[in-house]
């Protein structure tokens, strides 16, 4: 799904060895430290498309699996899926209309790559286009999203 495999004990992405791989614990710890550096007085928002049904659960599950604690932070998950469905009611009647691939093609004329960074940047651009067309600020559109607190126990809080 994400292109990562382990072959003969070597971590590879799309068949190419990953340079200087780290353990999951080291990787998640570095990720959380990076997020702490991004935090401002208003906390931090982690935005993803279909976040509550996938990204937040996967992140929380893996943090718990590898024993990396993330609670106590002033961080929030935001999900853009309900935001775009609220913004563009036509998406309710289109099968798969809320999928990121559909939105990228509809709003940007581009195809989703299924690369995490490319998809995150594509989502950013889609939401910015939507906000612009609605005549509101990007932040204002995101503020319409339901917010859920970030923690490694998130998966259990939503079940």
Protein backbone atom coordinates (compact mmCIF):
# COMPACT_ATOMS: atom_id res chain seq x y z
CA UNK A 1 0.00 0.00 0.00
CA UNK A 2 2.74 2.51 0.91
CA UNK A 3 5.56 0.94 -1.09
CA UNK A 4 7.59 -0.14 1.95
CA UNK A 5 8.86 -3.72 2.20
CA UNK A 6 11.52 -5.56 4.14
CA UNK A 7 13.63 -7.82 1.97
CA UNK A 8 16.41 -9.89 3.52
CA UNK A 9 16.31 -7.60 6.57
CA UNK A 10 16.66 -4.43 4.46
CA UNK A 11 13.94 -1.76 4.49
CA UNK A 12 13.00 -0.74 0.96
CA UNK A 13 10.59 1.75 -0.59
CA UNK A 14 9.43 0.75 -4.05
CA UNK A 15 12.32 -1.74 -4.16
CA UNK A 16 15.02 0.83 -3.34
CA UNK A 17 16.90 0.48 -0.02
CA UNK A 18 16.08 3.25 2.48
CA UNK A 19 19.19 5.11 3.58
CA UNK A 20 19.80 5.31 7.33
CA UNK A 21 16.56 3.69 8.50
CA UNK A 22 15.64 4.06 12.17
CA UNK A 23 13.59 1.90 14.51
CA UNK A 24 9.87 2.63 14.78
CA UNK A 25 10.38 3.98 18.31
CA UNK A 26 13.12 6.36 17.13
CA UNK A 27 11.04 7.40 14.13
CA UNK A 28 7.89 8.12 16.15
CA UNK A 29 9.90 9.91 18.85
CA UNK A 30 11.54 12.12 16.20
CA UNK A 31 8.11 12.76 14.61
CA UNK A 32 6.66 13.89 17.95
CA UNK A 33 9.68 16.13 18.59
CA UNK A 34 9.19 17.67 15.14
CA UNK A 35 5.53 18.33 15.97
CA UNK A 36 6.49 19.95 19.28
CA UNK A 37 8.74 22.36 17.38
CA UNK A 38 5.81 23.30 15.10
CA UNK A 39 3.49 24.02 18.00
CA UNK A 40 2.39 27.60 18.67
CA UNK A 41 0.52 29.19 21.57
CA UNK A 42 -2.73 27.88 20.09
CA UNK A 43 -1.53 24.29 20.08
CA UNK A 44 -1.13 22.26 16.92
CA UNK A 45 -3.61 20.93 14.39
CA UNK A 46 -2.99 17.66 12.58
CA UNK A 47 -5.10 17.76 9.43
CA UNK A 48 -5.81 14.76 7.20
CA UNK A 49 -8.50 13.62 4.80
CA UNK A 50 -10.61 10.88 6.40
CA UNK A 51 -8.47 11.42 9.49
CA UNK A 52 -10.96 10.09 12.05
CA UNK A 53 -11.49 6.81 10.22
CA UNK A 54 -7.89 6.16 9.14
CA UNK A 55 -4.93 8.45 9.88
CA UNK A 56 -5.67 9.14 13.56
CA UNK A 57 -6.42 5.48 14.24
CA UNK A 58 -3.26 4.26 12.47
CA UNK A 59 -1.06 6.82 14.22
CA UNK A 60 -2.57 6.13 17.65
CA UNK A 61 -2.38 2.38 17.12
CA UNK A 62 1.28 2.51 16.13
CA UNK A 63 2.24 4.86 18.96
CA UNK A 64 0.61 2.43 21.41
CA UNK A 65 2.12 -0.61 19.66
CA UNK A 66 5.64 0.76 20.05
CA UNK A 67 5.08 2.28 23.49
CA UNK A 68 5.57 5.91 22.45
CA UNK A 69 3.51 8.24 24.67
CA UNK A 70 1.96 11.32 23.10
CA UNK A 71 -0.72 12.46 25.55
CA UNK A 72 -0.61 15.75 27.38
CA UNK A 73 0.06 17.74 24.25
CA UNK A 74 -2.24 20.57 23.13
CA UNK A 75 -2.73 18.98 19.72
CA UNK A 76 -5.91 18.37 17.76
CA UNK A 77 -6.93 16.13 14.86
CA UNK A 78 -9.04 17.74 12.12
CA UNK A 79 -10.71 15.76 9.35
CA UNK A 80 -11.23 17.43 5.97
CA UNK A 81 -13.63 14.76 4.65
CA UNK A 82 -16.74 16.18 6.39
CA UNK A 83 -15.52 19.70 5.56
CA UNK A 84 -15.41 19.10 1.81
CA UNK A 85 -18.74 17.26 1.86
CA UNK A 86 -20.30 20.20 3.70
CA UNK A 87 -18.67 22.69 1.33
CA UNK A 88 -19.69 20.94 -1.88
CA UNK A 89 -23.07 19.17 -1.48
CA UNK A 90 -22.75 17.59 -4.94
CA UNK A 91 -20.16 15.26 -3.42
CA UNK A 92 -22.91 13.55 -1.38
CA UNK A 93 -24.48 12.10 -4.51
CA UNK A 94 -21.26 11.01 -6.23
CA UNK A 95 -19.94 7.56 -5.35
CA UNK A 96 -16.38 8.11 -4.12
CA UNK A 97 -16.87 11.87 -4.40
CA UNK A 98 -15.21 12.50 -1.07
CA UNK A 99 -12.08 10.54 -1.96
CA UNK A 100 -8.91 12.60 -2.19
CA UNK A 101 -8.22 11.25 -5.69
CA UNK A 102 -11.61 12.49 -6.89
CA UNK A 103 -11.14 15.90 -5.24
CA UNK A 104 -7.65 16.37 -6.68
CA UNK A 105 -8.91 15.58 -10.16
CA UNK A 106 -12.03 17.75 -9.77
CA UNK A 107 -10.39 20.81 -8.20
CA UNK A 108 -6.81 20.61 -9.46
CA UNK A 109 -6.98 18.49 -12.61
CA UNK A 110 -4.35 16.22 -11.07
CA UNK A 111 -4.10 12.55 -10.14
CA UNK A 112 -3.42 11.37 -6.59
CA UNK A 113 -0.01 9.67 -6.31
CA UNK A 114 -0.57 7.71 -3.07
CA UNK A 115 2.67 9.22 -1.78
CA UNK A 116 2.06 10.65 1.72
CA UNK A 117 3.82 13.96 1.12
CA UNK A 118 2.32 14.48 -2.35
CA UNK A 119 -1.14 13.64 -1.03
CA UNK A 120 -0.76 16.03 1.93
CA UNK A 121 0.30 18.84 -0.39
CA UNK A 122 -2.52 17.97 -2.80
CA UNK A 123 -5.04 18.10 0.05
CA UNK A 124 -3.68 21.48 1.14
CA UNK A 125 -4.14 22.81 -2.39
CA UNK A 126 -7.67 21.36 -2.73
CA UNK A 127 -8.81 22.93 0.55
CA UNK A 128 -7.23 26.26 -0.40
CA UNK A 129 -9.06 26.22 -3.76
CA UNK A 130 -12.32 25.40 -1.99
CA UNK A 131 -11.84 28.23 0.52
CA UNK A 132 -10.94 30.65 -2.26
CA UNK A 133 -14.03 29.71 -4.29
CA UNK A 134 -16.18 30.14 -1.18
CA UNK A 135 -14.57 33.54 -0.54
CA UNK A 136 -13.30 32.68 2.91
CA UNK A 137 -9.89 32.20 4.50
CA UNK A 138 -8.28 28.75 4.46
CA UNK A 139 -8.27 28.67 8.27
CA UNK A 140 -11.96 29.58 8.36
CA UNK A 141 -12.84 26.60 6.17
CA UNK A 142 -10.73 24.27 8.34
CA UNK A 143 -12.39 25.65 11.46
CA UNK A 144 -15.65 24.04 10.30
CA UNK A 145 -14.09 20.61 10.95
CA UNK A 146 -14.91 18.59 14.03
CA UNK A 147 -11.91 18.58 16.35
CA UNK A 148 -10.67 15.64 18.38
CA UNK A 149 -7.82 15.71 20.94
CA UNK A 150 -4.59 14.02 19.94
CA UNK A 151 -3.22 11.24 22.13
CA UNK A 152 -1.88 7.73 21.79
CA UNK A 153 -5.14 6.56 23.40
CA UNK A 154 -7.25 8.18 20.64
CA UNK A 155 -8.20 4.88 19.04
CA UNK A 156 -9.83 3.74 22.31
CA UNK A 157 -11.62 7.07 22.82
CA UNK A 158 -13.35 6.83 19.41
CA UNK A 159 -14.36 3.15 19.60
